[in-house]
């Protein structure tokens, strides 16, 4: 079975989405179709289609009479994202405990380690990337491809939060310990314990992210 060819709209969508997720396009910044067409090297039709898709996903907002702008980051958006993550990822952890093979458990244990951060942006991003890989691996261990896609979308939103003043400092050691709690439950085939461990971990992450947002967020963030 061959995969579908990548269309011009797909390329435009992926390019613009990457710019938004990584913070290259700031929250609230206007998104000019003509400027994006030059930047992405595409005509305005695929740009407009890409922006409509990003609107549906919550990455852009429509401004009456002015077109599109990058969606603002709000307290509600952060809360909603972690609420969905809690539902999805606790289910993934429970399912992984039921179905994953020992080799998958060993891989999770390796990925559970979040490297220590030194407070500088580079080490903080390395820690964030390691954390993302672990959470995706848990979703993959569930054996549900759709669940993996949904978790990845939520993690992209968290990456966007972190690009705008909510990098979490000093959380690496605790994250590693909480990841290992999830792994141990999965290795023991204890679905209930795996679900509870993931819920506890994400509740802590949500509190940390919200605190960073309220205390240290940049002007891009609408509280």
N, C-alpha and C. Protein backbone atom coordinates (compact mmCIF):
# COMPACT_ATOMS: atom_id res chain seq x y z
N UNK A 1 0.84 -1.20 0.00
CA UNK A 1 0.00 0.00 0.00
C UNK A 1 0.88 1.25 0.00
N UNK A 2 0.69 2.13 -0.98
CA UNK A 2 1.50 3.35 -1.10
C UNK A 2 0.83 4.49 -0.36
N UNK A 3 1.67 5.38 0.17
CA UNK A 3 1.13 6.53 0.89
C UNK A 3 0.69 7.58 -0.10
N UNK A 4 -0.22 8.44 0.32
CA UNK A 4 -0.73 9.50 -0.54
C UNK A 4 0.37 10.53 -0.77
N UNK A 5 0.44 11.11 -1.98
CA UNK A 5 1.47 12.13 -2.24
C UNK A 5 1.23 13.37 -1.40
N UNK A 6 2.31 14.04 -1.07
CA UNK A 6 2.23 15.27 -0.29
C UNK A 6 1.81 16.40 -1.23
N UNK A 7 0.73 17.07 -0.90
CA UNK A 7 0.23 18.15 -1.73
C UNK A 7 0.88 19.47 -1.36
N UNK A 8 0.66 20.49 -2.20
CA UNK A 8 1.18 21.83 -1.89
C UNK A 8 0.56 22.36 -0.61
N UNK A 9 -0.72 22.04 -0.40
CA UNK A 9 -1.36 22.46 0.85
C UNK A 9 -0.70 21.77 2.05
N UNK A 10 -0.38 20.48 1.92
CA UNK A 10 0.28 19.76 3.01
C UNK A 10 1.60 20.41 3.37
N UNK A 11 2.39 20.74 2.35
CA UNK A 11 3.70 21.37 2.60
C UNK A 11 3.54 22.72 3.27
N UNK A 12 2.58 23.50 2.79
CA UNK A 12 2.34 24.81 3.39
C UNK A 12 1.87 24.66 4.83
N UNK A 13 0.97 23.73 5.06
CA UNK A 13 0.45 23.47 6.40
C UNK A 13 1.57 23.09 7.36
N UNK A 14 2.42 22.15 6.95
CA UNK A 14 3.50 21.69 7.83
C UNK A 14 4.50 22.80 8.11
N UNK A 15 4.80 23.62 7.11
CA UNK A 15 5.75 24.71 7.29
C UNK A 15 5.20 25.75 8.27
N UNK A 16 3.97 26.18 8.06
CA UNK A 16 3.39 27.21 8.93
C UNK A 16 3.19 26.67 10.34
N UNK A 17 2.73 25.44 10.44
CA UNK A 17 2.53 24.82 11.75
C UNK A 17 3.84 24.76 12.52
N UNK A 18 4.92 24.38 11.84
CA UNK A 18 6.24 24.31 12.49
C UNK A 18 6.65 25.68 13.02
N UNK A 19 6.40 26.71 12.24
CA UNK A 19 6.77 28.06 12.66
C UNK A 19 5.98 28.50 13.89
N UNK A 20 4.73 28.07 13.97
CA UNK A 20 3.90 28.44 15.12
C UNK A 20 4.31 27.65 16.36
N UNK A 21 4.50 26.32 16.20
CA UNK A 21 4.81 25.45 17.33
C UNK A 21 6.16 25.82 17.95
N UNK A 22 7.13 26.15 17.12
CA UNK A 22 8.48 26.45 17.64
C UNK A 22 8.65 27.89 18.08
N UNK A 23 7.62 28.71 17.92
CA UNK A 23 7.69 30.08 18.39
C UNK A 23 8.24 31.07 17.40
N UNK A 24 8.51 30.64 16.17
CA UNK A 24 8.99 31.56 15.15
C UNK A 24 7.91 32.59 14.81
N UNK A 25 6.65 32.16 14.86
CA UNK A 25 5.52 33.08 14.68
C UNK A 25 4.90 33.30 16.06
N UNK A 26 4.90 34.50 16.53
CA UNK A 26 4.47 34.81 17.89
C UNK A 26 2.95 34.80 18.02
N UNK A 27 2.43 34.43 19.19
CA UNK A 27 0.99 34.52 19.43
C UNK A 27 0.47 35.92 19.17
N UNK A 28 -0.64 36.01 18.45
CA UNK A 28 -1.22 37.31 18.12
C UNK A 28 -0.66 37.95 16.87
N UNK A 29 0.41 37.37 16.31
CA UNK A 29 1.02 37.96 15.11
C UNK A 29 0.10 37.74 13.91
N UNK A 30 -0.08 38.76 13.07
CA UNK A 30 -0.91 38.60 11.87
C UNK A 30 -0.26 37.63 10.89
N UNK A 31 -1.08 36.90 10.15
CA UNK A 31 -0.60 35.94 9.17
C UNK A 31 -1.10 36.38 7.79
N UNK A 32 -0.26 37.09 7.10
CA UNK A 32 -0.59 37.59 5.77
C UNK A 32 -0.46 36.46 4.74
N UNK A 33 -1.50 36.22 3.99
CA UNK A 33 -1.45 35.17 2.97
C UNK A 33 -0.37 35.45 1.95
N UNK A 34 -0.24 36.70 1.52
CA UNK A 34 0.77 37.03 0.51
C UNK A 34 2.18 36.87 1.07
N UNK A 35 2.39 37.29 2.32
CA UNK A 35 3.71 37.15 2.93
C UNK A 35 4.07 35.68 3.13
N UNK A 36 3.10 34.88 3.58
CA UNK A 36 3.33 33.45 3.76
C UNK A 36 3.59 32.76 2.43
N UNK A 37 2.89 33.20 1.39
CA UNK A 37 3.09 32.62 0.06
C UNK A 37 4.54 32.81 -0.39
N UNK A 38 5.11 33.99 -0.12
CA UNK A 38 6.51 34.23 -0.48
C UNK A 38 7.45 33.42 0.40
N UNK A 39 7.12 33.36 1.69
CA UNK A 39 7.97 32.67 2.65
C UNK A 39 8.01 31.16 2.39
N UNK A 40 6.84 30.60 2.13
CA UNK A 40 6.71 29.15 1.96
C UNK A 40 6.92 28.75 0.50
N UNK A 41 6.94 29.74 -0.38
CA UNK A 41 7.09 29.51 -1.81
C UNK A 41 5.94 28.67 -2.35
N UNK A 42 4.75 29.20 -2.13
CA UNK A 42 3.53 28.55 -2.61
C UNK A 42 2.56 29.64 -3.03
N UNK A 43 1.55 29.24 -3.80
CA UNK A 43 0.52 30.20 -4.19
C UNK A 43 -0.41 30.45 -3.01
N UNK A 44 -1.27 31.44 -3.14
CA UNK A 44 -2.13 31.81 -2.01
C UNK A 44 -3.21 30.78 -1.74
N UNK A 45 -3.60 30.00 -2.74
CA UNK A 45 -4.66 29.01 -2.51
C UNK A 45 -4.25 27.95 -1.49
N UNK A 46 -3.11 27.26 -1.65
CA UNK A 46 -2.72 26.30 -0.60
C UNK A 46 -2.44 26.96 0.74
N UNK A 47 -1.98 28.22 0.72
CA UNK A 47 -1.76 28.93 1.99
C UNK A 47 -3.09 29.12 2.71
N UNK A 48 -4.10 29.54 1.97
CA UNK A 48 -5.42 29.76 2.57
C UNK A 48 -5.99 28.44 3.10
N UNK A 49 -5.83 27.36 2.34
CA UNK A 49 -6.31 26.04 2.79
C UNK A 49 -5.58 25.60 4.04
N UNK A 50 -4.27 25.85 4.08
CA UNK A 50 -3.48 25.47 5.26
C UNK A 50 -3.93 26.26 6.49
N UNK A 51 -4.19 27.54 6.31
CA UNK A 51 -4.64 28.38 7.44
C UNK A 51 -6.00 27.93 7.94
N UNK A 52 -6.87 27.51 7.06
CA UNK A 52 -8.19 27.00 7.48
C UNK A 52 -8.03 25.73 8.30
N UNK A 53 -7.11 24.88 7.90
CA UNK A 53 -6.86 23.65 8.66
C UNK A 53 -6.27 23.98 10.03
N UNK A 54 -5.35 24.92 10.07
CA UNK A 54 -4.76 25.33 11.35
C UNK A 54 -5.78 26.02 12.25
N UNK A 55 -6.75 26.68 11.63
CA UNK A 55 -7.84 27.28 12.40
C UNK A 55 -8.65 26.20 13.11
N UNK A 56 -8.93 25.11 12.41
CA UNK A 56 -9.68 24.00 13.00
C UNK A 56 -8.91 23.36 14.15
N UNK A 57 -7.59 23.37 14.07
CA UNK A 57 -6.76 22.73 15.09
C UNK A 57 -6.41 23.67 16.25
N UNK A 58 -6.81 24.93 16.14
CA UNK A 58 -6.59 25.86 17.23
C UNK A 58 -5.26 26.57 17.22
N UNK A 59 -4.51 26.48 16.13
CA UNK A 59 -3.22 27.16 16.06
C UNK A 59 -3.32 28.59 15.54
N UNK A 60 -4.38 28.91 14.83
CA UNK A 60 -4.59 30.27 14.36
C UNK A 60 -6.00 30.71 14.70
N UNK A 61 -6.21 32.02 14.66
CA UNK A 61 -7.53 32.62 14.92
C UNK A 61 -7.90 33.49 13.73
N UNK A 62 -9.18 33.59 13.47
CA UNK A 62 -9.65 34.49 12.42
C UNK A 62 -10.04 35.82 13.05
N UNK A 63 -9.53 36.90 12.47
CA UNK A 63 -9.84 38.25 12.95
C UNK A 63 -10.77 38.90 11.94
N UNK A 64 -12.01 39.23 12.32
CA UNK A 64 -12.97 39.81 11.37
C UNK A 64 -12.39 41.03 10.64
N UNK A 65 -12.44 40.97 9.34
CA UNK A 65 -11.97 42.08 8.51
C UNK A 65 -10.47 42.17 8.34
N UNK A 66 -9.71 41.24 9.02
CA UNK A 66 -8.25 41.34 8.96
C UNK A 66 -7.58 40.02 8.57
N UNK A 67 -8.32 38.94 8.49
CA UNK A 67 -7.73 37.66 8.11
C UNK A 67 -7.38 36.81 9.32
N UNK A 68 -6.18 36.21 9.29
CA UNK A 68 -5.78 35.28 10.33
C UNK A 68 -4.64 35.84 11.17
N UNK A 69 -4.55 35.35 12.42
CA UNK A 69 -3.41 35.63 13.27
C UNK A 69 -3.07 34.37 14.05
N UNK A 70 -1.85 34.31 14.57
CA UNK A 70 -1.44 33.17 15.40
C UNK A 70 -2.30 33.17 16.67
N UNK A 71 -2.80 32.00 17.03
CA UNK A 71 -3.66 31.90 18.21
C UNK A 71 -2.90 32.30 19.47
N UNK A 72 -3.57 33.02 20.35
CA UNK A 72 -2.98 33.40 21.62
C UNK A 72 -2.93 32.21 22.57
N UNK A 73 -1.98 32.25 23.49
CA UNK A 73 -1.89 31.23 24.53
C UNK A 73 -2.59 31.77 25.77
N UNK A 74 -3.59 31.06 26.23
CA UNK A 74 -4.35 31.50 27.39
C UNK A 74 -4.32 30.42 28.47
N UNK A 75 -4.69 30.82 29.67
CA UNK A 75 -4.79 29.85 30.77
C UNK A 75 -5.74 28.73 30.40
N UNK A 76 -6.84 29.06 29.75
CA UNK A 76 -7.82 28.04 29.36
C UNK A 76 -7.22 27.04 28.38
N UNK A 77 -6.44 27.54 27.42
CA UNK A 77 -5.82 26.65 26.44
C UNK A 77 -4.88 25.67 27.13
N UNK A 78 -4.09 26.17 28.08
CA UNK A 78 -3.17 25.30 28.82
C UNK A 78 -3.95 24.26 29.62
N UNK A 79 -4.97 24.71 30.34
CA UNK A 79 -5.77 23.78 31.14
C UNK A 79 -6.44 22.72 30.26
N UNK A 80 -7.01 23.16 29.16
CA UNK A 80 -7.69 22.23 28.26
C UNK A 80 -6.71 21.20 27.71
N UNK A 81 -5.51 21.66 27.35
CA UNK A 81 -4.52 20.75 26.79
C UNK A 81 -4.13 19.67 27.78
N UNK A 82 -3.87 20.06 29.01
CA UNK A 82 -3.47 19.06 30.01
C UNK A 82 -4.64 18.17 30.42
N UNK A 83 -5.84 18.69 30.38
CA UNK A 83 -7.00 17.85 30.67
C UNK A 83 -7.12 16.74 29.63
N UNK A 84 -6.95 17.10 28.35
CA UNK A 84 -7.02 16.09 27.29
C UNK A 84 -5.84 15.12 27.39
N UNK A 85 -4.65 15.66 27.69
CA UNK A 85 -3.49 14.78 27.86
C UNK A 85 -3.75 13.76 28.97
N UNK A 86 -4.34 14.20 30.06
CA UNK A 86 -4.59 13.30 31.19
C UNK A 86 -5.49 12.15 30.76
N UNK A 87 -6.54 12.48 30.01
CA UNK A 87 -7.46 11.44 29.54
C UNK A 87 -6.78 10.48 28.58
N UNK A 88 -6.06 11.04 27.59
CA UNK A 88 -5.44 10.22 26.56
C UNK A 88 -4.29 9.38 27.10
N UNK A 89 -3.39 10.04 27.83
CA UNK A 89 -2.16 9.36 28.20
C UNK A 89 -2.33 8.39 29.36
N UNK A 90 -3.30 8.63 30.22
CA UNK A 90 -3.56 7.64 31.26
C UNK A 90 -4.16 6.38 30.63
N UNK A 91 -5.00 6.56 29.62
CA UNK A 91 -5.55 5.42 28.88
C UNK A 91 -4.44 4.68 28.15
N UNK A 92 -3.53 5.43 27.54
CA UNK A 92 -2.41 4.81 26.82
C UNK A 92 -1.55 3.98 27.78
N UNK A 93 -1.25 4.53 28.95
CA UNK A 93 -0.42 3.81 29.92
C UNK A 93 -1.11 2.53 30.38
N UNK A 94 -2.41 2.62 30.65
CA UNK A 94 -3.15 1.44 31.08
C UNK A 94 -3.16 0.37 29.99
N UNK A 95 -3.38 0.81 28.77
CA UNK A 95 -3.41 -0.15 27.66
C UNK A 95 -2.03 -0.75 27.42
N UNK A 96 -0.99 0.07 27.56
CA UNK A 96 0.37 -0.44 27.39
C UNK A 96 0.66 -1.55 28.41
N UNK A 97 0.18 -1.37 29.64
CA UNK A 97 0.38 -2.39 30.67
C UNK A 97 -0.29 -3.70 30.28
N UNK A 98 -1.35 -3.62 29.50
CA UNK A 98 -2.08 -4.83 29.10
C UNK A 98 -1.46 -5.53 27.90
N UNK A 99 -0.87 -4.75 26.97
CA UNK A 99 -0.51 -5.35 25.69
C UNK A 99 0.97 -5.28 25.31
N UNK A 100 1.76 -4.40 25.94
CA UNK A 100 3.11 -4.19 25.41
C UNK A 100 4.02 -5.37 25.74
N UNK A 101 4.99 -5.61 24.86
CA UNK A 101 5.96 -6.69 25.01
C UNK A 101 7.09 -6.25 25.95
N UNK A 102 7.83 -7.23 26.49
CA UNK A 102 8.97 -6.86 27.36
C UNK A 102 9.96 -5.93 26.69
N UNK A 103 10.18 -6.09 25.38
CA UNK A 103 11.13 -5.22 24.68
C UNK A 103 10.65 -3.77 24.70
N UNK A 104 9.33 -3.58 24.61
CA UNK A 104 8.78 -2.22 24.68
C UNK A 104 8.97 -1.65 26.08
N UNK A 105 8.81 -2.49 27.09
CA UNK A 105 9.03 -2.04 28.46
C UNK A 105 10.47 -1.61 28.69
N UNK A 106 11.41 -2.36 28.12
CA UNK A 106 12.81 -1.99 28.26
C UNK A 106 13.10 -0.66 27.57
N UNK A 107 12.47 -0.44 26.41
CA UNK A 107 12.66 0.82 25.71
C UNK A 107 12.10 1.98 26.53
N UNK A 108 10.95 1.77 27.15
CA UNK A 108 10.36 2.83 27.98
C UNK A 108 11.27 3.17 29.15
N UNK A 109 11.88 2.16 29.75
CA UNK A 109 12.77 2.41 30.88
C UNK A 109 13.97 3.26 30.43
N UNK A 110 14.48 2.98 29.24
CA UNK A 110 15.60 3.78 28.72
C UNK A 110 15.19 5.22 28.46
N UNK A 111 13.97 5.38 27.92
CA UNK A 111 13.50 6.72 27.57
C UNK A 111 12.99 7.51 28.77
N UNK A 112 12.80 6.84 29.90
CA UNK A 112 12.25 7.52 31.08
C UNK A 112 13.18 8.59 31.62
N UNK A 113 14.49 8.44 31.36
CA UNK A 113 15.47 9.39 31.89
C UNK A 113 15.36 10.73 31.18
N UNK A 114 15.14 11.78 31.95
CA UNK A 114 15.15 13.15 31.43
C UNK A 114 16.47 13.77 31.84
N UNK A 115 17.31 14.19 30.88
CA UNK A 115 18.62 14.73 31.24
C UNK A 115 18.50 15.98 32.10
N UNK A 116 19.41 16.17 33.04
CA UNK A 116 19.33 17.35 33.92
C UNK A 116 19.49 18.64 33.12
N UNK A 117 18.78 19.67 33.54
CA UNK A 117 18.93 20.96 32.88
C UNK A 117 19.78 21.86 33.75
N UNK A 118 20.51 22.74 33.08
CA UNK A 118 21.38 23.69 33.77
C UNK A 118 20.79 25.09 33.83
N UNK A 119 19.51 25.19 33.45
CA UNK A 119 18.86 26.49 33.46
C UNK A 119 19.01 27.27 32.17
N UNK A 120 19.87 26.78 31.25
CA UNK A 120 20.06 27.48 29.99
C UNK A 120 19.07 26.94 28.95
N UNK A 121 18.72 27.73 27.95
CA UNK A 121 17.71 27.30 26.97
C UNK A 121 18.03 25.98 26.27
N UNK A 122 19.31 25.74 25.93
CA UNK A 122 19.67 24.52 25.20
C UNK A 122 19.40 23.27 26.04
N UNK A 123 19.81 23.28 27.31
CA UNK A 123 19.59 22.10 28.15
C UNK A 123 18.12 21.93 28.49
N UNK A 124 17.40 23.04 28.62
CA UNK A 124 15.96 22.95 28.88
C UNK A 124 15.24 22.31 27.70
N UNK A 125 15.66 22.67 26.49
CA UNK A 125 15.03 22.09 25.31
C UNK A 125 15.38 20.61 25.17
N UNK A 126 16.60 20.23 25.53
CA UNK A 126 16.98 18.81 25.50
C UNK A 126 16.11 18.01 26.47
N UNK A 127 15.89 18.58 27.66
CA UNK A 127 15.04 17.90 28.64
C UNK A 127 13.61 17.79 28.13
N UNK A 128 13.11 18.86 27.49
CA UNK A 128 11.75 18.84 26.96
C UNK A 128 11.61 17.81 25.86
N UNK A 129 12.63 17.68 25.00
CA UNK A 129 12.58 16.71 23.92
C UNK A 129 12.60 15.28 24.46
N UNK A 130 13.42 15.03 25.48
CA UNK A 130 13.46 13.71 26.10
C UNK A 130 12.11 13.36 26.72
N UNK A 131 11.51 14.33 27.37
CA UNK A 131 10.19 14.12 27.97
C UNK A 131 9.16 13.77 26.90
N UNK A 132 9.20 14.50 25.78
CA UNK A 132 8.26 14.25 24.69
C UNK A 132 8.43 12.84 24.13
N UNK A 133 9.68 12.40 23.97
CA UNK A 133 9.94 11.07 23.43
C UNK A 133 9.37 9.99 24.34
N UNK A 134 9.49 10.19 25.64
CA UNK A 134 8.95 9.19 26.57
C UNK A 134 7.43 9.09 26.44
N UNK A 135 6.77 10.24 26.43
CA UNK A 135 5.31 10.22 26.38
C UNK A 135 4.79 9.64 25.06
N UNK A 136 5.48 9.93 23.97
CA UNK A 136 5.09 9.32 22.70
C UNK A 136 5.32 7.81 22.72
N UNK A 137 6.40 7.38 23.36
CA UNK A 137 6.70 5.95 23.43
C UNK A 137 5.64 5.20 24.23
N UNK A 138 5.14 5.81 25.30
CA UNK A 138 4.05 5.18 26.06
C UNK A 138 2.82 5.03 25.18
N UNK A 139 2.50 6.08 24.43
CA UNK A 139 1.35 6.00 23.53
C UNK A 139 1.56 4.92 22.48
N UNK A 140 2.78 4.83 21.94
CA UNK A 140 3.07 3.81 20.93
C UNK A 140 2.95 2.40 21.52
N UNK A 141 3.33 2.25 22.79
CA UNK A 141 3.26 0.94 23.44
C UNK A 141 1.82 0.47 23.62
N UNK A 142 0.86 1.40 23.51
CA UNK A 142 -0.55 1.01 23.61
C UNK A 142 -1.01 0.27 22.36
N UNK A 143 -0.28 0.43 21.26
CA UNK A 143 -0.65 -0.23 20.02
C UNK A 143 -1.74 0.47 19.25
N UNK A 144 -2.11 1.68 19.66
CA UNK A 144 -3.21 2.41 19.02
C UNK A 144 -2.64 3.61 18.27
N UNK A 145 -2.59 3.53 16.94
CA UNK A 145 -1.97 4.57 16.13
C UNK A 145 -2.72 5.90 16.23
N UNK A 146 -4.04 5.85 16.32
CA UNK A 146 -4.81 7.09 16.44
C UNK A 146 -4.51 7.78 17.76
N UNK A 147 -4.36 7.00 18.81
CA UNK A 147 -4.02 7.55 20.12
C UNK A 147 -2.65 8.24 20.07
N UNK A 148 -1.71 7.65 19.35
CA UNK A 148 -0.39 8.26 19.20
C UNK A 148 -0.50 9.63 18.54
N UNK A 149 -1.29 9.72 17.48
CA UNK A 149 -1.46 11.00 16.77
C UNK A 149 -2.08 12.06 17.67
N UNK A 150 -3.06 11.67 18.45
CA UNK A 150 -3.72 12.62 19.34
C UNK A 150 -2.76 13.11 20.42
N UNK A 151 -1.97 12.20 20.98
CA UNK A 151 -0.99 12.59 21.99
C UNK A 151 0.07 13.51 21.38
N UNK A 152 0.50 13.19 20.17
CA UNK A 152 1.50 14.04 19.51
C UNK A 152 0.97 15.46 19.32
N UNK A 153 -0.29 15.59 18.93
CA UNK A 153 -0.88 16.92 18.75
C UNK A 153 -0.88 17.71 20.07
N UNK A 154 -1.20 17.03 21.16
CA UNK A 154 -1.18 17.71 22.47
C UNK A 154 0.23 18.12 22.85
N UNK A 155 1.20 17.26 22.58
CA UNK A 155 2.59 17.58 22.90
C UNK A 155 3.10 18.76 22.07
N UNK A 156 2.61 18.88 20.84
CA UNK A 156 2.99 20.04 20.03
C UNK A 156 2.48 21.34 20.67
N UNK A 157 1.29 21.28 21.25
CA UNK A 157 0.78 22.46 21.95
C UNK A 157 1.67 22.80 23.14
N UNK A 158 2.11 21.78 23.87
CA UNK A 158 2.98 22.03 25.02
C UNK A 158 4.31 22.63 24.55
N UNK A 159 4.83 22.14 23.42
CA UNK A 159 6.05 22.73 22.85
C UNK A 159 5.85 24.21 22.58
N UNK A 160 4.68 24.56 22.08
CA UNK A 160 4.36 25.97 21.80
C UNK A 160 4.33 26.77 23.09
N UNK A 161 3.75 26.22 24.15
CA UNK A 161 3.74 26.93 25.44
C UNK A 161 5.18 27.21 25.88
N UNK A 162 6.02 26.20 25.75
CA UNK A 162 7.39 26.33 26.23
C UNK A 162 8.20 27.34 25.44
N UNK A 163 7.80 27.56 24.19
CA UNK A 163 8.51 28.53 23.37
C UNK A 163 8.19 29.97 23.77
N UNK A 164 7.23 30.14 24.67
CA UNK A 164 6.79 31.49 25.03
C UNK A 164 6.74 31.70 26.54
N UNK A 165 7.83 31.34 27.20
CA UNK A 165 7.97 31.74 28.59
C UNK A 165 7.56 30.72 29.62
N UNK A 166 7.28 29.48 29.22
CA UNK A 166 6.88 28.50 30.23
C UNK A 166 7.84 27.31 30.28
N UNK A 167 9.12 27.54 29.94
CA UNK A 167 10.11 26.49 30.13
C UNK A 167 10.23 26.18 31.63
N UNK A 168 10.18 24.89 31.96
CA UNK A 168 10.16 24.48 33.36
C UNK A 168 11.58 24.16 33.82
N UNK A 169 12.04 24.88 34.82
CA UNK A 169 13.40 24.70 35.31
C UNK A 169 13.41 23.80 36.53
N UNK A 170 14.40 22.92 36.57
CA UNK A 170 14.60 22.09 37.74
C UNK A 170 13.63 20.94 37.89
N UNK A 171 12.89 20.60 36.84
CA UNK A 171 11.88 19.54 36.95
C UNK A 171 12.37 18.20 36.42
N UNK A 172 13.60 18.13 35.94
CA UNK A 172 14.09 16.92 35.27
C UNK A 172 14.12 15.71 36.19
N UNK A 173 14.66 15.87 37.40
CA UNK A 173 14.79 14.75 38.31
C UNK A 173 13.44 14.19 38.70
N UNK A 174 12.51 15.07 39.02
CA UNK A 174 11.18 14.60 39.40
C UNK A 174 10.50 13.92 38.23
N UNK A 175 10.67 14.47 37.03
CA UNK A 175 10.06 13.87 35.84
C UNK A 175 10.58 12.46 35.63
N UNK A 176 11.89 12.26 35.79
CA UNK A 176 12.47 10.92 35.63
C UNK A 176 11.85 9.95 36.62
N UNK A 177 11.74 10.36 37.88
CA UNK A 177 11.16 9.49 38.91
C UNK A 177 9.71 9.14 38.59
N UNK A 178 8.96 10.13 38.13
CA UNK A 178 7.55 9.89 37.81
C UNK A 178 7.41 9.02 36.56
N UNK A 179 8.30 9.20 35.59
CA UNK A 179 8.30 8.33 34.41
C UNK A 179 8.55 6.88 34.82
N UNK A 180 9.52 6.70 35.73
CA UNK A 180 9.85 5.34 36.16
C UNK A 180 8.70 4.70 36.92
N UNK A 181 7.91 5.48 37.64
CA UNK A 181 6.72 4.94 38.30
C UNK A 181 5.76 4.37 37.25
N UNK A 182 5.60 5.10 36.14
CA UNK A 182 4.74 4.61 35.07
C UNK A 182 5.31 3.33 34.47
N UNK A 183 6.61 3.32 34.21
CA UNK A 183 7.25 2.16 33.59
C UNK A 183 7.13 0.93 34.48
N UNK A 184 7.37 1.10 35.77
CA UNK A 184 7.28 -0.05 36.68
C UNK A 184 5.89 -0.66 36.66
N UNK A 185 4.87 0.19 36.65
CA UNK A 185 3.49 -0.33 36.60
C UNK A 185 3.23 -1.06 35.29
N UNK A 186 3.74 -0.53 34.19
CA UNK A 186 3.56 -1.19 32.90
C UNK A 186 4.28 -2.54 32.89
N UNK A 187 5.50 -2.57 33.41
CA UNK A 187 6.26 -3.83 33.45
C UNK A 187 5.57 -4.88 34.31
N UNK A 188 4.86 -4.45 35.35
CA UNK A 188 4.14 -5.38 36.21
C UNK A 188 2.78 -5.78 35.65
N UNK A 189 2.44 -5.20 34.48
CA UNK A 189 1.13 -5.47 33.84
C UNK A 189 -0.02 -5.00 34.72
N UNK A 190 0.21 -3.95 35.49
CA UNK A 190 -0.81 -3.41 36.38
C UNK A 190 -1.42 -2.17 35.71
N UNK A 191 -2.51 -2.37 34.99
CA UNK A 191 -3.11 -1.28 34.21
C UNK A 191 -3.61 -0.15 35.11
N UNK A 192 -4.21 -0.49 36.23
CA UNK A 192 -4.74 0.54 37.13
C UNK A 192 -3.62 1.40 37.69
N UNK A 193 -2.53 0.75 38.10
CA UNK A 193 -1.40 1.50 38.65
C UNK A 193 -0.74 2.36 37.58
N UNK A 194 -0.67 1.86 36.36
CA UNK A 194 -0.08 2.63 35.27
C UNK A 194 -0.92 3.87 34.98
N UNK A 195 -2.23 3.70 34.98
CA UNK A 195 -3.13 4.83 34.77
C UNK A 195 -2.95 5.88 35.88
N UNK A 196 -2.93 5.42 37.12
CA UNK A 196 -2.80 6.35 38.25
C UNK A 196 -1.45 7.07 38.24
N UNK A 197 -0.38 6.35 37.89
CA UNK A 197 0.95 6.96 37.86
C UNK A 197 1.02 8.04 36.79
N UNK A 198 0.45 7.78 35.64
CA UNK A 198 0.46 8.78 34.57
C UNK A 198 -0.41 9.98 34.95
N UNK A 199 -1.54 9.74 35.57
CA UNK A 199 -2.40 10.85 36.00
C UNK A 199 -1.67 11.73 37.01
N UNK A 200 -0.99 11.12 37.98
CA UNK A 200 -0.24 11.90 38.98
C UNK A 200 0.84 12.73 38.30
N UNK A 201 1.54 12.12 37.38
CA UNK A 201 2.62 12.81 36.68
C UNK A 201 2.09 14.01 35.91
N UNK A 202 1.02 13.82 35.16
CA UNK A 202 0.49 14.92 34.36
C UNK A 202 -0.16 16.00 35.21
N UNK A 203 -0.71 15.62 36.35
CA UNK A 203 -1.24 16.64 37.27
C UNK A 203 -0.11 17.54 37.77
N UNK A 204 1.04 16.94 38.08
CA UNK A 204 2.20 17.73 38.51
C UNK A 204 2.69 18.62 37.36
N UNK A 205 2.76 18.06 36.16
CA UNK A 205 3.20 18.84 34.99
C UNK A 205 2.27 20.03 34.75
N UNK A 206 0.97 19.79 34.88
CA UNK A 206 -0.01 20.84 34.66
C UNK A 206 0.17 21.98 35.67
N UNK A 207 0.37 21.62 36.93
CA UNK A 207 0.56 22.64 37.96
C UNK A 207 1.84 23.44 37.70
N UNK A 208 2.92 22.74 37.33
CA UNK A 208 4.18 23.43 37.06
C UNK A 208 4.05 24.38 35.87
N UNK A 209 3.41 23.90 34.82
CA UNK A 209 3.26 24.71 33.61
C UNK A 209 2.39 25.93 33.89
N UNK A 210 1.33 25.75 34.64
CA UNK A 210 0.45 26.86 34.96
C UNK A 210 1.16 27.90 35.83
N UNK A 211 1.94 27.41 36.79
CA UNK A 211 2.68 28.33 37.65
C UNK A 211 3.69 29.13 36.84
N UNK A 212 4.41 28.45 35.93
CA UNK A 212 5.37 29.15 35.09
C UNK A 212 4.68 30.15 34.19
N UNK A 213 3.52 29.79 33.70
CA UNK A 213 2.76 30.67 32.83
C UNK A 213 2.35 31.94 33.57
N UNK A 214 1.85 31.78 34.78
CA UNK A 214 1.35 32.93 35.53
C UNK A 214 2.46 33.80 36.11
N UNK A 215 3.59 33.18 36.46
CA UNK A 215 4.65 33.92 37.12
C UNK A 215 5.73 34.42 36.17
N UNK A 216 6.00 33.65 35.12
CA UNK A 216 7.13 34.01 34.28
C UNK A 216 6.81 34.13 32.81
N UNK A 217 5.54 34.03 32.45
CA UNK A 217 5.18 34.08 31.04
C UNK A 217 5.49 35.42 30.41
N UNK A 218 5.70 35.40 29.09
CA UNK A 218 5.99 36.62 28.36
C UNK A 218 4.69 37.34 28.00
N UNK A 219 4.85 38.49 27.38
CA UNK A 219 3.68 39.27 26.98
C UNK A 219 2.84 38.61 25.93
N UNK A 220 3.39 37.54 25.30
CA UNK A 220 2.61 36.81 24.30
C UNK A 220 1.42 36.09 24.92
N UNK A 221 1.47 35.85 26.21
CA UNK A 221 0.49 34.97 26.86
C UNK A 221 -0.63 35.79 27.46
N UNK A 222 -1.84 35.47 27.06
CA UNK A 222 -3.02 36.19 27.55
C UNK A 222 -3.61 35.43 28.72
N UNK A 223 -3.46 35.97 29.92
CA UNK A 223 -3.99 35.32 31.11
C UNK A 223 -5.45 35.70 31.30
